[in-house]
Protein backbone atom coordinates (compact mmCIF):
# COMPACT_ATOMS: atom_id res chain seq x y z
CA MET A 1 -54.49 24.71 1.20
CA GLY A 2 -55.31 22.15 -1.66
CA PHE A 3 -57.64 25.10 -3.55
CA CYS A 4 -54.75 27.87 -3.46
CA ILE A 5 -52.43 24.44 -4.84
CA LEU A 6 -55.14 23.84 -7.10
CA CYS A 7 -55.05 27.70 -8.50
CA LYS A 8 -51.37 27.67 -8.37
CA VAL A 9 -51.59 24.97 -11.21
CA ILE A 10 -54.36 26.62 -13.54
CA LEU A 11 -52.32 29.53 -13.09
CA SER A 12 -49.25 27.91 -14.26
CA ALA A 13 -51.64 26.17 -16.99
CA LEU A 14 -52.15 29.67 -18.10
CA LEU A 15 -49.06 31.04 -18.30
CA CYS A 16 -47.64 28.14 -20.11
CA LEU A 17 -50.88 28.82 -22.78
CA CYS A 18 -50.04 32.96 -22.65
CA PHE A 19 -46.33 32.70 -23.25
CA CYS A 20 -45.11 29.05 -25.13
CA PRO A 21 -45.47 28.93 -28.62
CA GLY A 22 -47.68 26.22 -29.68
CA GLY A 23 -45.71 23.22 -31.60
CA THR A 24 -42.63 24.73 -31.46
CA GLN A 25 -39.54 24.51 -29.16
CA SER A 26 -39.52 25.33 -25.58
CA ALA A 27 -36.85 28.58 -25.60
CA LEU A 28 -35.81 27.26 -21.68
CA ARG A 29 -33.19 25.17 -20.66
CA VAL A 30 -32.56 23.44 -17.70
CA ILE A 31 -29.98 22.19 -16.15
CA VAL A 32 -28.79 19.71 -13.14
CA PRO A 33 -25.65 17.59 -12.56
CA SER A 34 -25.90 13.94 -12.74
CA PRO A 35 -25.33 11.77 -11.27
CA VAL A 36 -25.55 13.05 -7.70
CA THR A 37 -23.72 10.84 -5.12
CA VAL A 38 -24.09 11.04 -1.50
CA GLU A 39 -22.97 9.06 1.74
CA LEU A 40 -26.10 7.33 4.13
CA GLY A 41 -27.02 9.39 6.44
CA SER A 42 -25.67 12.71 4.91
CA ASP A 43 -27.70 15.14 2.52
CA ILE A 44 -28.65 15.43 -0.83
CA ILE A 45 -27.67 18.61 -2.90
CA ILE A 46 -29.07 18.64 -6.09
CA PRO A 47 -28.56 22.17 -7.61
CA CYS A 48 -31.19 23.43 -10.81
CA SER A 49 -30.56 26.24 -13.22
CA TYR A 50 -31.87 27.42 -16.11
CA GLU A 51 -30.81 29.36 -19.10
CA VAL A 52 -32.84 31.33 -22.23
CA THR A 53 -31.77 29.64 -25.58
CA ASP A 54 -33.04 32.14 -27.88
CA GLY A 55 -31.16 35.11 -26.81
CA SER A 56 -32.99 37.00 -24.89
CA SER A 57 -32.28 37.63 -20.89
CA ALA A 58 -33.98 35.62 -18.47
CA THR A 59 -34.94 38.19 -16.31
CA SER A 60 -36.50 40.40 -19.03
CA SER A 61 -40.10 39.10 -17.98
CA SER A 62 -41.61 40.41 -14.76
CA SER A 63 -43.58 37.34 -14.60
CA PRO A 64 -42.39 35.01 -11.81
CA VAL A 65 -41.10 31.34 -12.19
CA THR A 66 -42.35 28.27 -11.32
CA LEU A 67 -40.54 25.39 -9.79
CA GLN A 68 -41.71 21.84 -9.64
CA TRP A 69 -39.60 19.66 -7.89
CA LEU A 70 -40.53 15.99 -8.21
CA TYR A 71 -39.33 11.99 -7.83
CA GLU A 72 -40.09 8.67 -9.61
CA GLU A 73 -42.11 6.43 -7.35
CA LYS A 74 -41.99 2.54 -8.43
CA GLY A 75 -45.74 0.96 -7.74
CA MET A 76 -46.56 -2.30 -7.63
CA ASP A 77 -46.49 -3.42 -10.89
CA GLY A 78 -43.23 -2.07 -11.43
CA ARG A 79 -44.09 0.88 -13.20
CA THR A 80 -42.68 4.41 -12.35
CA SER A 81 -44.69 7.34 -11.98
CA PRO A 82 -43.88 11.10 -10.63
CA GLN A 83 -44.78 12.10 -7.44
CA ARG A 84 -44.18 15.83 -6.80
CA ILE A 85 -42.36 16.86 -3.54
CA LEU A 86 -42.63 20.53 -3.36
CA TYR A 87 -44.05 23.50 -5.38
CA LYS A 88 -42.53 27.33 -5.88
CA HIS A 89 -44.07 29.83 -7.54
CA GLY A 90 -41.58 33.10 -7.19
CA SER A 91 -40.80 32.96 -3.12
CA THR A 92 -43.84 31.45 -2.05
CA ILE A 93 -42.70 27.54 -1.35
CA TYR A 94 -45.52 25.07 -1.02
CA HIS A 95 -44.27 21.51 0.44
CA ASP A 96 -46.44 18.23 -0.58
CA ASN A 97 -47.71 16.05 1.80
CA ASN A 98 -45.48 13.45 0.98
CA ALA A 99 -44.70 10.92 3.35
CA GLN A 100 -41.16 10.04 2.69
CA TYR A 101 -39.77 13.27 2.59
CA LYS A 102 -41.91 15.53 4.70
CA GLY A 103 -39.95 18.00 7.19
CA ARG A 104 -36.43 16.64 5.17
CA VAL A 105 -36.90 18.78 1.69
CA ASP A 106 -36.21 22.29 1.33
CA VAL A 107 -35.55 24.54 -1.39
CA SER A 108 -32.89 27.68 -2.06
CA ALA A 109 -33.65 31.11 -3.89
CA ASP A 110 -31.48 29.94 -6.75
CA LEU A 111 -33.76 26.33 -7.25
CA THR A 112 -31.17 24.01 -5.41
CA LEU A 113 -32.99 21.20 -3.35
CA THR A 114 -32.02 19.96 -0.27
CA VAL A 115 -32.75 16.60 1.35
CA ARG A 116 -31.25 16.00 4.92
CA GLN A 117 -30.32 12.49 6.22
CA ALA A 118 -30.23 10.58 2.88
CA ARG A 119 -32.03 7.29 3.21
CA LEU A 120 -31.52 4.04 0.73
CA GLU A 121 -34.92 4.35 -0.77
CA ASP A 122 -33.91 8.23 -2.08
CA ALA A 123 -32.06 6.53 -4.71
CA ARG A 124 -34.02 7.17 -6.91
CA THR A 125 -34.64 9.86 -10.04
CA PHE A 126 -35.26 13.00 -9.42
CA THR A 127 -36.87 16.06 -11.67
CA CYS A 128 -36.32 19.53 -11.92
CA GLU A 129 -39.30 21.36 -13.72
CA VAL A 130 -39.28 25.31 -14.22
CA VAL A 131 -42.12 27.17 -15.91
CA SER A 132 -41.19 30.99 -17.30
CA PRO A 133 -43.03 33.11 -19.73
CA HIS A 134 -40.09 31.78 -22.04
CA GLY A 135 -41.23 28.24 -21.53
CA THR A 136 -41.73 25.02 -19.82
CA ASN A 137 -38.93 22.28 -19.78
CA GLU A 138 -37.44 20.00 -16.99
CA ALA A 139 -34.20 18.09 -16.19
CA HIS A 140 -33.66 14.96 -14.48
CA THR A 141 -30.94 13.12 -12.50
CA THR A 142 -30.12 9.94 -11.00
CA VAL A 143 -28.99 10.08 -6.71
CA ASN A 144 -27.19 6.91 -6.01
CA VAL A 145 -26.79 6.48 -2.18
CA PHE A 146 -23.91 4.68 -0.85
CA GLY A 147 -23.77 3.02 2.77
CA LYS A 148 -20.18 2.80 3.77
CA PRO A 149 -19.00 -0.18 5.10
CA THR A 150 -17.51 -1.23 8.72
CA LEU A 151 -13.38 -1.94 8.91
CA PRO A 152 -13.29 -5.43 8.10
CA LYS A 153 -12.31 -7.65 10.93
CA ILE A 154 -9.97 -10.62 10.71
CA THR A 155 -9.90 -13.80 12.67
CA ALA A 156 -6.96 -16.45 11.98
CA ASN A 157 -7.61 -20.19 12.50
CA SER A 158 -5.94 -20.75 16.28
CA LEU A 159 -4.82 -24.20 15.58
CA PRO A 160 -1.72 -24.95 13.67
CA ILE A 161 -2.43 -26.07 9.82
CA PRO A 162 0.15 -28.99 8.98
CA ALA A 163 2.10 -28.54 5.99
CA ASN A 164 0.41 -28.80 2.88
CA THR A 165 -2.86 -29.32 4.07
CA LEU A 166 -6.10 -27.77 3.01
CA GLU A 167 -7.23 -26.01 6.07
CA GLN A 168 -9.46 -22.44 6.52
CA ILE A 169 -6.75 -19.84 7.18
CA ALA A 170 -8.87 -16.86 8.21
CA THR A 171 -12.50 -15.27 8.50
CA CYS A 172 -12.86 -11.53 7.43
CA THR A 173 -16.22 -9.65 7.87
CA SER A 174 -17.62 -6.45 6.83
CA SER A 175 -21.04 -5.14 7.87
CA ASN A 176 -23.53 -2.01 7.22
CA ALA A 177 -22.62 -1.56 3.31
CA PHE A 178 -24.73 -0.55 0.42
CA PRO A 179 -24.63 -1.65 -2.50
CA GLU A 180 -22.81 -4.87 -1.70
CA PRO A 181 -19.20 -4.94 -1.08
CA VAL A 182 -16.23 -7.25 -2.11
CA ILE A 183 -13.37 -8.86 -0.03
CA VAL A 184 -10.27 -9.47 -1.44
CA TRP A 185 -7.31 -11.53 0.43
CA TYR A 186 -3.88 -11.10 0.27
CA LYS A 187 -0.70 -12.70 1.65
CA ASP A 188 2.91 -10.94 2.17
CA GLY A 189 0.86 -8.08 0.15
CA GLU A 190 -0.04 -10.56 -2.95
CA LYS A 191 -3.27 -10.48 -4.18
CA MET A 192 -5.08 -14.22 -3.97
CA ASP A 193 -6.79 -15.77 -6.29
CA LYS A 194 -10.62 -15.39 -5.75
CA SER A 195 -10.97 -19.17 -5.89
CA ALA A 196 -9.56 -19.84 -2.58
CA ALA A 197 -12.03 -17.79 -0.40
CA GLU A 198 -15.36 -18.48 -0.03
CA THR A 199 -17.80 -15.06 0.76
CA GLU A 200 -21.73 -14.87 2.29
CA LEU A 201 -23.37 -11.85 1.38
CA ALA A 202 -26.17 -11.49 3.63
CA VAL A 203 -28.74 -8.51 3.90
CA GLN A 204 -29.59 -6.75 7.00
CA PRO A 205 -32.65 -5.91 8.36
CA ASP A 206 -31.98 -2.06 7.15
CA GLY A 207 -31.36 -2.91 3.74
CA LEU A 208 -27.57 -2.58 4.18
CA PHE A 209 -25.47 -5.89 3.85
CA SER A 210 -22.81 -7.97 5.33
CA VAL A 211 -20.42 -10.11 4.20
CA THR A 212 -18.18 -12.51 5.34
CA SER A 213 -14.89 -14.69 3.39
CA LYS A 214 -13.33 -17.65 4.63
CA LEU A 215 -9.94 -18.36 3.37
CA ARG A 216 -8.96 -21.61 2.38
CA SER A 217 -5.10 -22.27 1.89
CA ARG A 218 -2.61 -25.09 1.67
CA PRO A 219 -0.01 -23.51 3.56
CA SER A 220 3.79 -24.43 3.45
CA ARG A 221 6.97 -24.55 5.35
CA ALA A 222 7.88 -21.25 3.73
CA ASP A 223 4.26 -19.48 4.91
CA ARG A 224 5.59 -20.23 8.58
CA ASP A 225 6.07 -16.20 8.38
CA SER A 226 3.88 -15.23 5.75
CA LEU A 227 1.12 -12.50 7.08
CA TYR A 228 -2.75 -12.52 5.67
CA HIS A 229 -5.27 -9.84 5.51
CA CYS A 230 -8.25 -8.35 3.46
CA GLU A 231 -9.63 -6.01 2.06
CA VAL A 232 -13.34 -4.40 1.90
CA LEU A 233 -13.74 -2.91 -1.92
CA HIS A 234 -17.13 -0.91 -1.77
CA TRP A 235 -18.58 2.01 -3.75
CA ALA A 236 -18.44 5.79 -2.34
CA PRO A 237 -19.71 9.07 -3.63
CA GLY A 238 -18.01 10.67 -6.27
CA GLU A 239 -15.24 13.79 -5.48
CA GLY A 240 -18.26 16.32 -6.55
CA PRO A 241 -21.87 16.75 -7.77
CA GLY A 242 -22.33 15.12 -11.05
CA MET A 243 -18.85 12.92 -10.65
CA PRO A 244 -19.67 9.18 -10.95
CA PRO A 245 -18.83 7.47 -8.15
CA GLN A 246 -15.36 6.09 -6.90
CA GLN A 247 -14.41 2.76 -5.65
CA LYS A 248 -12.54 2.76 -2.39
CA LEU A 249 -11.01 -0.03 -0.07
CA LEU A 250 -10.92 -0.79 3.66
CA LYS A 251 -7.87 -2.68 4.88
CA SER A 252 -7.89 -5.26 8.16
CA ALA A 253 -4.94 -5.64 10.18
CA ALA A 254 -2.31 -8.57 9.39
CA VAL A 255 -2.31 -12.71 11.24
CA ASN A 256 -0.03 -15.03 10.60
CA VAL A 257 -1.05 -18.92 11.12
CA THR A 258 1.07 -21.30 12.98
CA VAL A 259 2.43 -24.33 10.39
CA HIS A 260 3.68 -27.57 11.42
CA TYR A 261 6.34 -29.01 9.26
CA PRO A 262 8.87 -31.58 9.77
CA PRO A 263 12.51 -30.77 10.85
CA GLN A 264 15.52 -30.74 7.98
CA ARG A 265 18.29 -29.86 9.69
CA VAL A 266 19.27 -30.06 13.56
CA THR A 267 21.30 -27.48 15.29
CA LEU A 268 23.64 -27.18 18.36
CA ILE A 269 24.75 -24.24 20.31
CA VAL A 270 27.37 -24.07 22.88
CA GLU A 271 27.34 -21.13 24.94
CA PRO A 272 29.49 -18.69 26.30
CA ALA A 273 31.50 -18.99 23.06
CA THR A 274 34.42 -19.05 24.87
CA VAL A 275 34.85 -21.25 27.84
CA LYS A 276 37.38 -21.31 30.71
CA GLU A 277 37.93 -23.28 33.13
CA GLY A 278 35.33 -23.38 35.90
CA ASP A 279 32.69 -21.65 33.43
CA SER A 280 29.05 -23.25 33.36
CA VAL A 281 28.67 -24.39 29.77
CA VAL A 282 25.03 -24.67 28.55
CA MET A 283 24.37 -26.70 25.42
CA GLU A 284 21.03 -26.37 23.75
CA CYS A 285 19.77 -28.68 20.64
CA SER A 286 17.20 -27.28 18.00
CA THR A 287 15.73 -27.78 14.70
CA ASP A 288 14.28 -26.08 12.25
CA GLY A 289 10.96 -27.98 12.40
CA ASN A 290 7.67 -27.00 13.72
CA PRO A 291 7.19 -27.89 16.63
CA GLN A 292 10.53 -28.31 18.44
CA PRO A 293 11.12 -32.48 19.09
CA SER A 294 10.18 -32.76 22.73
CA SER A 295 13.53 -34.51 23.86
CA PHE A 296 16.66 -34.63 22.40
CA GLU A 297 20.10 -37.07 23.12
CA PHE A 298 23.52 -35.60 23.45
CA TYR A 299 26.82 -37.22 23.03
CA ARG A 300 30.39 -36.91 23.29
CA VAL A 301 32.01 -37.91 19.94
CA PHE A 302 35.59 -39.52 20.40
CA GLU A 303 36.84 -39.63 16.54
CA LYS A 304 40.18 -41.52 17.21
CA GLU A 305 38.35 -44.23 18.82
CA GLU A 306 35.13 -44.10 16.00
CA ARG A 307 32.76 -44.15 19.54
CA ARG A 308 30.48 -41.88 21.19
CA GLU A 309 29.56 -41.40 25.00
CA ARG A 310 25.97 -40.61 25.50
CA LEU A 311 25.61 -37.84 28.28
CA ALA A 312 22.63 -38.12 30.48
CA THR A 313 23.90 -35.95 33.59
CA GLY A 314 22.76 -32.46 33.29
CA VAL A 315 20.56 -33.12 30.05
CA ARG A 316 17.21 -31.25 30.64
CA GLY A 317 14.97 -31.37 27.68
CA ALA A 318 16.77 -29.44 24.83
CA ARG A 319 19.44 -28.49 27.20
CA LEU A 320 22.33 -30.04 28.45
CA THR A 321 24.46 -27.88 31.51
CA VAL A 322 28.32 -28.65 32.32
CA PRO A 323 28.88 -26.69 35.17
CA ALA A 324 32.07 -26.22 36.17
CA VAL A 325 33.94 -27.53 33.02
CA ARG A 326 38.13 -28.54 33.56
CA ARG A 327 40.27 -28.77 30.41
CA SER A 328 39.38 -32.28 30.43
CA ASP A 329 35.99 -31.56 28.80
CA SER A 330 37.72 -30.68 25.98
CA GLY A 331 36.52 -32.36 23.08
CA VAL A 332 33.77 -32.75 20.38
CA TYR A 333 29.86 -33.03 21.37
CA ALA A 334 26.26 -33.83 19.44
CA CYS A 335 22.93 -33.83 19.78
CA THR A 336 19.90 -35.03 17.41
CA PRO A 337 16.10 -35.65 18.60
CA THR A 338 14.42 -38.70 20.21
CA VAL A 339 10.78 -37.84 19.72
CA THR A 340 8.98 -35.79 17.18
CA THR A 341 5.70 -34.52 16.32
CA PRO A 342 3.76 -38.19 14.97
CA GLY A 343 4.23 -38.39 11.19
CA GLN A 344 7.18 -36.53 11.25
CA PRO A 345 10.74 -38.17 10.64
CA GLY A 346 13.31 -37.22 13.39
CA PRO A 347 15.71 -39.71 14.89
CA GLY A 348 16.96 -40.19 10.96
CA LEU A 349 18.45 -36.42 11.13
CA THR A 350 21.91 -36.01 10.60
CA ALA A 351 23.59 -34.71 14.43
CA ASP A 352 25.20 -31.45 14.62
CA ARG A 353 28.68 -31.32 16.23
CA LYS A 354 30.30 -28.38 17.98
CA ALA A 355 33.87 -28.65 19.32
CA LEU A 356 34.33 -27.53 22.84
CA SER A 357 37.60 -25.96 23.90
CA VAL A 358 37.97 -25.28 27.75
CA HIS A 359 40.75 -22.73 28.27
CA PHE A 360 43.13 -22.93 30.77
CA MET A 361 46.45 -21.15 32.35
CA GLY A 362 48.20 -23.10 35.40
CA GLU A 363 50.25 -21.73 38.12
CA VAL A 364 52.60 -18.41 37.40
CA ALA A 365 56.06 -19.79 38.54
CA PRO A 366 58.64 -17.37 39.17
CA SER A 367 62.41 -18.06 38.86
CA SER A 368 63.10 -17.88 42.21
CA ARG A 369 60.54 -18.18 45.04
CA ALA A 370 63.01 -17.46 47.28
CA PRO A 371 64.19 -13.24 47.85
CA VAL A 372 66.73 -12.54 44.99
CA VAL A 373 69.74 -10.85 46.09
CA VAL A 374 71.20 -8.10 44.00
CA PRO A 375 74.38 -6.32 44.61
CA ARG A 376 74.13 -2.47 44.60
CA GLY A 377 74.92 -1.56 40.65
CA GLY A 378 74.50 -4.89 39.29
CA THR A 379 72.08 -6.93 37.50
CA LEU A 380 68.49 -7.80 38.31
CA ALA A 381 67.25 -10.67 35.83
CA VAL A 382 64.20 -12.53 36.53
CA TRP A 383 61.19 -14.26 34.40
CA CYS A 384 58.21 -16.03 34.76
CA THR A 385 56.63 -19.01 33.03
CA ALA A 386 52.97 -20.66 33.11
CA GLU A 387 51.08 -23.54 31.13
CA ALA A 388 48.25 -22.14 28.86
CA SER A 389 45.95 -23.68 26.30
CA THR A 390 46.84 -20.78 23.81
CA THR A 391 49.42 -17.50 23.71
CA LEU A 392 50.20 -15.98 26.92
CA VAL A 393 50.72 -12.14 27.61
CA CYS A 394 52.86 -11.28 30.70
CA SER A 395 54.10 -8.41 32.19
CA TRP A 396 55.80 -6.78 35.08
CA VAL A 397 54.26 -4.73 37.66
CA LYS A 398 56.21 -3.01 40.57
CA ASN A 399 54.02 -0.47 42.79
CA ASP A 400 51.06 -0.72 40.21
CA GLN A 401 52.88 0.48 37.49
CA VAL A 402 53.78 -1.69 34.35
CA LEU A 403 57.29 -1.87 33.90
CA LEU A 404 57.72 -3.68 30.76
CA LYS A 405 55.72 -6.40 28.28
CA GLY A 406 57.75 -9.98 28.24
CA PHE A 407 58.45 -13.08 30.22
CA LYS A 408 62.05 -11.77 31.36
CA LEU A 409 62.49 -8.95 33.39
CA ARG A 410 66.29 -7.55 33.14
CA LYS A 411 67.60 -4.25 35.00
CA GLN A 412 71.07 -3.37 34.68
CA ASN A 413 73.30 -0.99 37.56
CA VAL A 414 70.15 -1.41 39.89
CA GLY A 415 69.74 0.91 43.28
CA TYR A 416 68.47 0.55 46.58
CA THR A 417 65.09 2.08 44.95
CA ASP A 418 64.97 -1.05 42.80
CA MET A 419 63.87 -3.34 45.78
CA GLY A 420 60.69 -4.22 46.69
CA VAL A 421 57.81 -6.91 45.36
CA TYR A 422 58.25 -7.70 41.47
CA THR A 423 54.81 -9.08 40.03
CA CYS A 424 54.21 -10.99 36.95
CA VAL A 425 50.87 -10.85 35.12
CA CYS A 426 50.13 -13.32 32.86
CA THR A 427 46.71 -13.69 31.09
CA LEU A 428 45.57 -15.50 28.24
CA GLU A 429 45.13 -13.94 24.73
CA GLU A 430 41.88 -15.73 23.74
CA VAL A 431 40.46 -15.03 27.17
CA PRO A 432 41.65 -11.72 28.69
CA ASP A 433 39.82 -12.58 31.77
CA LEU A 434 41.29 -15.15 32.63
CA SER A 435 44.92 -14.25 34.77
CA ARG A 436 47.23 -15.06 37.00
CA ASN A 437 50.56 -14.09 38.77
CA SER A 438 53.01 -14.62 40.76
CA SER A 439 55.77 -12.29 42.98
CA VAL A 440 59.42 -11.99 43.45
CA GLN A 441 60.98 -10.40 46.78
CA VAL A 442 63.73 -8.48 45.26
CA LEU A 443 66.77 -7.37 48.13
CA VAL A 444 69.48 -4.68 46.56
CA GLU A 445 72.65 -5.50 48.82
CA GLY A 446 75.59 -2.96 49.67
CA PRO A 447 77.55 -1.03 52.17
CA PRO A 448 75.90 2.08 54.50
CA ALA A 449 75.82 5.65 52.35
CA LEU A 450 74.57 8.50 54.43
CA HIS A 451 72.44 11.55 53.32
CA GLY A 452 74.10 14.98 53.27
CA GLN A 453 77.29 16.65 54.10
CA PRO A 454 79.70 14.48 55.73
CA SER A 455 80.34 17.32 58.50
CA THR A 456 77.60 19.70 60.01
CA CYS A 457 77.45 22.39 62.18
CA VAL A 458 74.44 22.61 64.95
CA ASP A 459 73.66 25.31 67.47
CA VAL A 460 73.93 24.18 70.96
CA ASN A 461 70.18 24.51 72.73
CA GLU A 462 69.70 22.94 76.05
CA SER A 463 67.77 20.15 74.13
CA LEU A 464 68.16 18.87 70.52
CA GLU A 465 67.93 15.91 68.44
CA LEU A 466 70.26 14.79 65.60
CA ALA A 467 69.28 12.54 62.77
CA CYS A 468 71.69 10.29 59.80
CA THR A 469 69.82 9.02 57.39
CA MET A 470 71.32 6.68 55.02
CA GLN A 471 70.82 3.52 52.91
CA GLY A 472 71.93 -0.21 53.04
CA PHE A 473 71.25 -3.27 53.11
CA PRO A 474 71.66 -5.50 55.23
CA ARG A 475 70.43 -3.03 57.69
CA PRO A 476 73.47 -0.97 58.91
CA HIS A 477 74.32 -0.80 62.47
CA VAL A 478 74.06 2.47 63.96
CA MET A 479 76.68 3.58 66.49
CA TRP A 480 76.59 7.54 67.91
CA SER A 481 80.00 9.12 69.88
CA ILE A 482 77.85 10.09 72.70
CA THR A 483 74.67 8.69 75.01
CA GLY A 484 71.21 9.70 74.52
CA SER A 485 67.95 8.52 73.82
CA GLN A 486 68.02 7.00 70.06
CA SER A 487 65.63 5.43 67.87
CA GLU A 488 65.28 4.48 64.23
CA GLU A 489 62.79 4.06 61.53
CA TRP A 490 63.87 1.24 58.79
CA GLU A 491 61.97 0.93 55.31
CA GLU A 492 63.01 -2.61 53.97
CA GLN A 493 61.49 -1.85 50.51
CA ASN A 494 63.99 1.13 50.07
CA ALA A 495 66.79 0.33 52.46
CA LEU A 496 66.80 2.92 53.77
CA LEU A 497 67.28 3.65 57.61
CA ILE A 498 66.99 7.09 59.97
CA SER A 499 68.76 6.97 63.08
CA ARG A 500 67.73 9.88 66.07
CA LEU A 501 69.45 10.61 68.91
CA ALA A 502 67.86 13.29 71.67
CA VAL A 503 70.17 14.58 74.09
CA SER A 504 70.01 17.27 76.49
CA GLY A 505 71.89 19.21 78.92
CA LEU A 506 74.95 20.00 77.23
CA GLU A 507 77.24 22.64 79.42
CA SER A 508 80.34 22.96 77.12
CA ALA A 509 80.26 25.38 74.36
CA GLN A 510 81.54 23.32 71.36
CA GLN A 511 81.99 19.56 70.58
CA GLU A 512 81.53 17.11 68.15
CA VAL A 513 79.51 14.53 67.35
CA THR A 514 79.46 11.02 65.10
CA CYS A 515 77.86 8.94 63.68
CA ASN A 516 78.80 5.69 62.35
CA ALA A 517 77.01 3.24 60.28
CA SER A 518 78.06 -0.44 59.22
CA ASN A 519 77.31 -3.41 57.99
CA ARG A 520 78.96 -6.66 56.72
CA LEU A 521 79.63 -4.49 53.67
CA GLY A 522 81.42 -1.48 54.53
CA THR A 523 81.14 1.52 56.96
CA ASP A 524 80.03 5.52 56.34
CA GLY A 525 79.73 7.89 59.13
CA ARG A 526 79.17 11.70 59.51
CA ARG A 527 80.42 14.50 61.92
CA PHE A 528 78.43 16.74 64.02
CA THR A 529 79.78 20.00 65.57
CA LEU A 530 77.69 21.64 68.37
CA SER A 531 78.44 24.93 68.86
CA ARG A 532 76.94 28.21 70.34
CA SER A 533 78.03 30.02 67.20
CA CYS A 534 76.63 27.77 64.34
CA TRP A 535 74.35 30.86 63.19
CA LEU A 536 77.51 32.81 62.71
CA GLN A 537 79.78 30.48 60.51
CA ASN A 538 76.50 29.32 58.44
CA ALA A 539 76.01 33.28 57.78
CA LEU A 540 79.71 33.48 56.63
CA VAL A 541 79.48 30.72 54.50
CA LEU A 542 76.15 31.75 53.09
CA ALA A 543 78.39 35.30 52.47
CA LEU A 544 80.65 34.00 50.65
CA ALA A 545 78.65 32.35 48.47
CA VAL A 546 76.50 35.06 47.29
CA GLY A 547 80.10 37.25 47.52
CA GLY A 548 81.22 34.32 45.28
CA ALA A 549 77.88 34.41 42.51
CA LEU A 550 78.08 38.34 42.14
CA LEU A 551 81.46 38.50 41.36
CA LEU A 552 81.40 35.78 38.61
CA ALA A 553 78.44 37.34 37.53
CA LEU A 554 80.32 41.14 37.68
CA VAL A 555 83.27 39.40 35.72
CA VAL A 556 81.19 38.04 33.25
CA VAL A 557 79.04 41.33 32.70
CA VAL A 558 82.72 43.27 32.17
CA VAL A 559 83.65 40.92 29.36
CA VAL A 560 80.39 41.26 27.38
CA LEU A 561 81.22 44.94 27.55
CA VAL A 562 84.64 44.36 26.33
CA VAL A 563 83.83 42.15 23.32
CA LYS A 564 80.91 44.50 22.29
CA LEU A 565 83.15 47.84 22.37
CA LYS A 566 85.70 45.98 20.42
CA ARG A 567 83.30 44.83 17.63
CA ARG A 568 81.87 49.00 17.23
CA ARG A 569 85.11 50.22 16.68
CA GLY A 570 86.33 47.93 14.28
CA ARG A 571 83.06 48.51 12.47
CA ALA A 572 83.77 52.61 12.64
CA SER A 573 87.66 52.21 11.73
CA PRO A 574 87.92 50.33 8.57
CA ASP A 575 91.75 50.02 7.17
CA LYS A 576 92.10 52.89 4.44
CA THR A 577 95.58 51.50 3.02
CA PRO A 578 94.86 49.28 -0.10
CA ARG A 579 96.36 45.73 0.32
CA THR A 580 99.26 44.87 -1.34
CA SER A 581 100.81 41.58 -2.22
CA ASN A 582 104.90 40.90 -1.39
CA ASN A 583 105.35 43.62 0.41
CA GLU A 584 105.13 45.97 -2.43
CA LYS A 585 104.05 49.62 -1.85
CA PRO A 586 100.92 50.48 -3.62
CA GLU A 587 101.28 52.39 -6.79
CA GLN A 588 100.21 56.41 -6.67
CA GLU A 589 97.38 57.06 -9.09
CA PRO A 590 98.13 60.69 -11.26
CA LEU A 591 96.19 63.64 -10.03
CA LYS A 592 93.75 65.37 -12.10
CA LYS A 593 93.44 68.07 -13.09
CA GLY A 594 91.81 70.90 -10.07
CA SER A 595 92.51 68.19 -7.58
CA LEU A 596 93.27 69.19 -4.17
CA VAL A 597 96.15 67.85 -2.39
CA ASP A 598 96.79 67.75 1.41
CA THR A 599 100.42 69.56 1.31
CA THR A 600 101.03 68.50 5.11
CA LYS A 601 101.31 65.06 4.00
CA VAL A 602 104.43 65.58 1.48
């Protein structure tokens, strides 16, 4: 193999002697992109091409082209020397016995060199040398290999930091970078000064770099919610062959640190916002410092007496609980911290005050607790009142229907249907769920009034049931003219009474039965005619009613037809005689020549 390579070298030299004019510049131009940038572990691809500069065609000669790929090797003395990777003559490729590139390189038909799985030591100068009948020339390129660092890992200081004290805020680390990376710190998206960080750079056994940066700062009260993050600035390959390398950023997560600072203000919160008697009230005291004081004192302030009363019952830490508040608990309450973080001011803070208003509503009192009696046709007037902490909204309700809104209910010309229970429902305008009510029983007095016709014909059967329906109050007393099984249904709400009489064994063909109702205000009655021919009487009454209706309809139709007929005649026969005044006869116009005259009218 060594002998063959030697032969090729000699052949190349002879070709150069034959085709390259001595002492003149080569007509061959070799082109390679520079620089070539790749990421560690990826393939290095270096295109190589050539062109003839004297105007002749690069393929005009039948002699094959000879190609050599070389790289610069730095020796122990610091000097560099070219080392060949491979040799190509025509379509034949010869690989040198080079330990660094053995099995990792290849060359394509268009002279492109490919180096697989780039290493850090591949960052050097490569040379493409071309020998052709047009001359010999070479071109150089620099290969840069970049190691992409890992995502930066940020670790925040887990201990609380006193405000305005220089302490370590966070640590940022990244590894596997090449060349050296740079860490930049940010607070709330704003770049921080370089002097705020201490950075350590280390070389890993594989030649890559790891970097650690520690951020130190003096956080203030304003930094209690600040977010810190770091970014690793590193070099990366260019967008394509011949393009310069570019800088890229890798961003970490954001972290927050705990800052301790003294309180400046005390806040008292009362829940719920709207309070009524019986509610449980919670008062919570807090400050704008960090951490919160461990205990607080609560007071009830009596401004008129210029004194305050300390509250001990129900206090637990920062909370005061008042169960089942009463209207007497209304007033002004205050709180202050008793103990704060060592070295921080606390008891000297101004206490925060809040007014507690306990809403209440007393019992709803109607105008009368006894039943209200109103004569039938008279006027009903009832009202209600209640003691309350704020504006009351009342309405009158009967049978789940709102009759009106207001304290007074007034209704004229009342009837039996107006009897019943009237409820006054009151609520607080500011506390809708605080509601109370009271009811009034309304009774309407009047004599009995029977329903239906005063006289009715009933068909006689062996047994039948008669019924009288009436309204009246007080409850009427009913007397039947004959004996039988009597029962009654009484609806006091509407003063409605139904009296039923069941009779049997009737033998006479016709007889009369009366139903008389009475109370202390009057009487009323109804007569029933029991007959075996009631169906005939009822049919006759029905026939007379139907016949009367038909006769009335016929009269209406005749009148309408007569009116229409008169209107038509009036339009068909207009008055031909000219109208005159003062009973004067109209003057006759002289006959025109050629006019026709009806001699029968002369």
